[in-house]
């Protein structure tokens, strides 16, 4: 199992980063789960985060 964390200052940038990560994965890696959250840094600043969980190759491990 492999987990990739992506973060950005806005949703558009986050989606672009997630797309790059997805394209960079091995062909045998299967996206099995995602998680989204945000961190409020200040009243005017947020950081958006997404975790991408991949099953790799013959990995039969449960989440």
N, C-alpha and C. Protein backbone atom coordinates (compact mmCIF):
# COMPACT_ATOMS: atom_id res chain seq x y z
N UNK A 1 0.85 -1.17 0.00
CA UNK A 1 0.00 0.00 0.00
C UNK A 1 0.90 1.24 0.00
N UNK A 2 0.46 2.24 -0.72
CA UNK A 2 1.22 3.48 -0.84
C UNK A 2 0.26 4.65 -0.62
N UNK A 3 0.66 5.63 0.17
CA UNK A 3 -0.15 6.82 0.42
C UNK A 3 0.62 8.04 -0.06
N UNK A 4 -0.03 8.84 -0.87
CA UNK A 4 0.55 10.08 -1.37
C UNK A 4 -0.25 11.24 -0.80
N UNK A 5 0.43 12.22 -0.21
CA UNK A 5 -0.22 13.42 0.32
C UNK A 5 0.03 14.58 -0.64
N UNK A 6 -1.02 15.30 -0.94
CA UNK A 6 -0.93 16.46 -1.83
C UNK A 6 -1.52 17.66 -1.10
N UNK A 7 -0.87 18.81 -1.24
CA UNK A 7 -1.41 20.02 -0.60
C UNK A 7 -1.22 21.22 -1.52
N UNK A 8 -2.09 22.22 -1.36
CA UNK A 8 -2.04 23.41 -2.20
C UNK A 8 -2.76 24.56 -1.50
N UNK A 9 -2.57 25.75 -2.05
CA UNK A 9 -3.18 26.96 -1.49
C UNK A 9 -4.61 27.18 -1.95
N UNK A 10 -5.03 26.50 -3.03
CA UNK A 10 -6.40 26.64 -3.51
C UNK A 10 -6.84 25.34 -4.18
N UNK A 11 -8.13 25.20 -4.41
CA UNK A 11 -8.68 23.96 -4.95
C UNK A 11 -8.19 23.67 -6.38
N UNK A 12 -8.08 24.69 -7.19
CA UNK A 12 -7.62 24.51 -8.57
C UNK A 12 -6.21 23.91 -8.59
N UNK A 13 -5.35 24.47 -7.77
CA UNK A 13 -3.97 23.97 -7.67
C UNK A 13 -3.95 22.55 -7.10
N UNK A 14 -4.82 22.28 -6.14
CA UNK A 14 -4.90 20.95 -5.55
C UNK A 14 -5.28 19.92 -6.61
N UNK A 15 -6.30 20.20 -7.41
CA UNK A 15 -6.72 19.27 -8.46
C UNK A 15 -5.60 19.05 -9.47
N UNK A 16 -4.84 20.10 -9.80
CA UNK A 16 -3.72 19.95 -10.73
C UNK A 16 -2.65 19.05 -10.13
N UNK A 17 -2.35 19.21 -8.84
CA UNK A 17 -1.34 18.39 -8.18
C UNK A 17 -1.80 16.93 -8.10
N UNK A 18 -3.07 16.71 -7.79
CA UNK A 18 -3.62 15.35 -7.71
C UNK A 18 -3.51 14.68 -9.08
N UNK A 19 -3.79 15.41 -10.13
CA UNK A 19 -3.69 14.87 -11.48
C UNK A 19 -2.25 14.45 -11.80
N UNK A 20 -1.29 15.28 -11.44
CA UNK A 20 0.12 14.96 -11.66
C UNK A 20 0.52 13.69 -10.91
N UNK A 21 0.10 13.58 -9.66
CA UNK A 21 0.43 12.41 -8.86
C UNK A 21 -0.18 11.16 -9.49
N UNK A 22 -1.43 11.25 -9.91
CA UNK A 22 -2.09 10.11 -10.54
C UNK A 22 -1.39 9.64 -11.79
N UNK A 23 -0.95 10.57 -12.61
CA UNK A 23 -0.26 10.21 -13.86
C UNK A 23 1.12 9.61 -13.59
N UNK A 24 1.72 9.93 -12.46
CA UNK A 24 3.07 9.46 -12.14
C UNK A 24 3.08 8.06 -11.51
N UNK A 25 1.92 7.51 -11.19
CA UNK A 25 1.88 6.21 -10.53
C UNK A 25 2.15 5.08 -11.51
N UNK A 26 2.64 3.99 -10.98
CA UNK A 26 2.90 2.79 -11.76
C UNK A 26 1.57 2.26 -12.31
N UNK A 27 1.60 1.63 -13.46
CA UNK A 27 0.38 1.14 -14.08
C UNK A 27 -0.33 0.09 -13.22
N UNK A 28 0.42 -0.63 -12.37
CA UNK A 28 -0.17 -1.66 -11.51
C UNK A 28 -0.78 -1.08 -10.23
N UNK A 29 -0.52 0.20 -9.94
CA UNK A 29 -1.07 0.82 -8.74
C UNK A 29 -2.54 1.16 -8.95
N UNK A 30 -3.38 0.75 -8.01
CA UNK A 30 -4.82 0.98 -8.10
C UNK A 30 -5.24 1.98 -7.02
N UNK A 31 -5.86 3.08 -7.41
CA UNK A 31 -6.37 4.05 -6.45
C UNK A 31 -7.56 3.42 -5.74
N UNK A 32 -7.45 3.26 -4.40
CA UNK A 32 -8.53 2.59 -3.67
C UNK A 32 -9.26 3.50 -2.70
N UNK A 33 -8.68 4.65 -2.38
CA UNK A 33 -9.36 5.56 -1.45
C UNK A 33 -8.72 6.94 -1.53
N UNK A 34 -9.51 7.95 -1.18
CA UNK A 34 -9.00 9.32 -1.07
C UNK A 34 -9.58 9.94 0.19
N UNK A 35 -8.90 10.93 0.67
CA UNK A 35 -9.40 11.70 1.81
C UNK A 35 -9.06 13.16 1.60
N UNK A 36 -10.00 14.03 1.93
CA UNK A 36 -9.82 15.46 1.71
C UNK A 36 -9.99 16.19 3.03
N UNK A 37 -9.17 17.22 3.24
CA UNK A 37 -9.30 18.05 4.43
C UNK A 37 -8.68 19.41 4.13
N UNK A 38 -8.90 20.34 5.01
CA UNK A 38 -8.25 21.64 4.88
C UNK A 38 -7.78 22.09 6.26
N UNK A 39 -6.76 22.91 6.24
CA UNK A 39 -6.18 23.45 7.47
C UNK A 39 -6.32 24.96 7.41
N UNK A 40 -6.96 25.53 8.41
CA UNK A 40 -7.11 26.98 8.47
C UNK A 40 -5.88 27.54 9.17
N UNK A 41 -5.04 28.22 8.40
CA UNK A 41 -3.79 28.78 8.91
C UNK A 41 -4.05 30.12 9.61
N UNK A 42 -4.94 30.91 9.03
CA UNK A 42 -5.33 32.19 9.62
C UNK A 42 -6.73 32.52 9.10
N UNK A 43 -7.24 33.67 9.46
CA UNK A 43 -8.58 34.05 9.00
C UNK A 43 -8.66 34.16 7.47
N UNK A 44 -7.53 34.43 6.84
CA UNK A 44 -7.55 34.62 5.39
C UNK A 44 -6.77 33.56 4.62
N UNK A 45 -6.23 32.57 5.29
CA UNK A 45 -5.37 31.57 4.62
C UNK A 45 -5.80 30.15 4.97
N UNK A 46 -5.97 29.33 3.92
CA UNK A 46 -6.30 27.91 4.09
C UNK A 46 -5.30 27.10 3.27
N UNK A 47 -5.02 25.89 3.74
CA UNK A 47 -4.24 24.94 2.97
C UNK A 47 -5.14 23.73 2.74
N UNK A 48 -5.28 23.33 1.49
CA UNK A 48 -6.13 22.21 1.11
C UNK A 48 -5.26 20.97 0.95
N UNK A 49 -5.71 19.85 1.48
CA UNK A 49 -4.93 18.61 1.48
C UNK A 49 -5.77 17.45 0.96
N UNK A 50 -5.12 16.55 0.25
CA UNK A 50 -5.79 15.33 -0.18
C UNK A 50 -4.81 14.17 -0.05
N UNK A 51 -5.30 13.07 0.50
CA UNK A 51 -4.51 11.84 0.61
C UNK A 51 -5.04 10.86 -0.43
N UNK A 52 -4.12 10.26 -1.17
CA UNK A 52 -4.46 9.28 -2.19
C UNK A 52 -3.86 7.95 -1.75
N UNK A 53 -4.70 6.93 -1.62
CA UNK A 53 -4.25 5.63 -1.16
C UNK A 53 -4.28 4.66 -2.35
N UNK A 54 -3.13 4.06 -2.62
CA UNK A 54 -2.98 3.14 -3.74
C UNK A 54 -2.67 1.74 -3.25
N UNK A 55 -3.26 0.75 -3.89
CA UNK A 55 -2.87 -0.64 -3.72
C UNK A 55 -1.79 -0.90 -4.77
N UNK A 56 -0.66 -1.40 -4.33
CA UNK A 56 0.47 -1.59 -5.23
C UNK A 56 0.65 -3.06 -5.57
N UNK A 57 0.77 -3.35 -6.85
CA UNK A 57 1.07 -4.69 -7.33
C UNK A 57 0.20 -5.76 -6.73
N UNK A 58 0.81 -6.74 -6.02
CA UNK A 58 0.10 -7.86 -5.43
C UNK A 58 -0.28 -7.62 -3.98
N UNK A 59 -0.31 -6.38 -3.56
CA UNK A 59 -0.59 -6.03 -2.16
C UNK A 59 -2.03 -6.32 -1.81
N UNK A 60 -2.25 -7.25 -0.89
CA UNK A 60 -3.60 -7.62 -0.44
C UNK A 60 -3.92 -7.10 0.95
N UNK A 61 -3.11 -6.18 1.45
CA UNK A 61 -3.29 -5.64 2.79
C UNK A 61 -4.58 -4.84 2.88
N UNK A 62 -5.31 -5.01 3.99
CA UNK A 62 -6.55 -4.28 4.21
C UNK A 62 -6.24 -2.88 4.76
N UNK A 63 -7.12 -1.94 4.50
CA UNK A 63 -6.97 -0.59 5.06
C UNK A 63 -7.23 -0.61 6.55
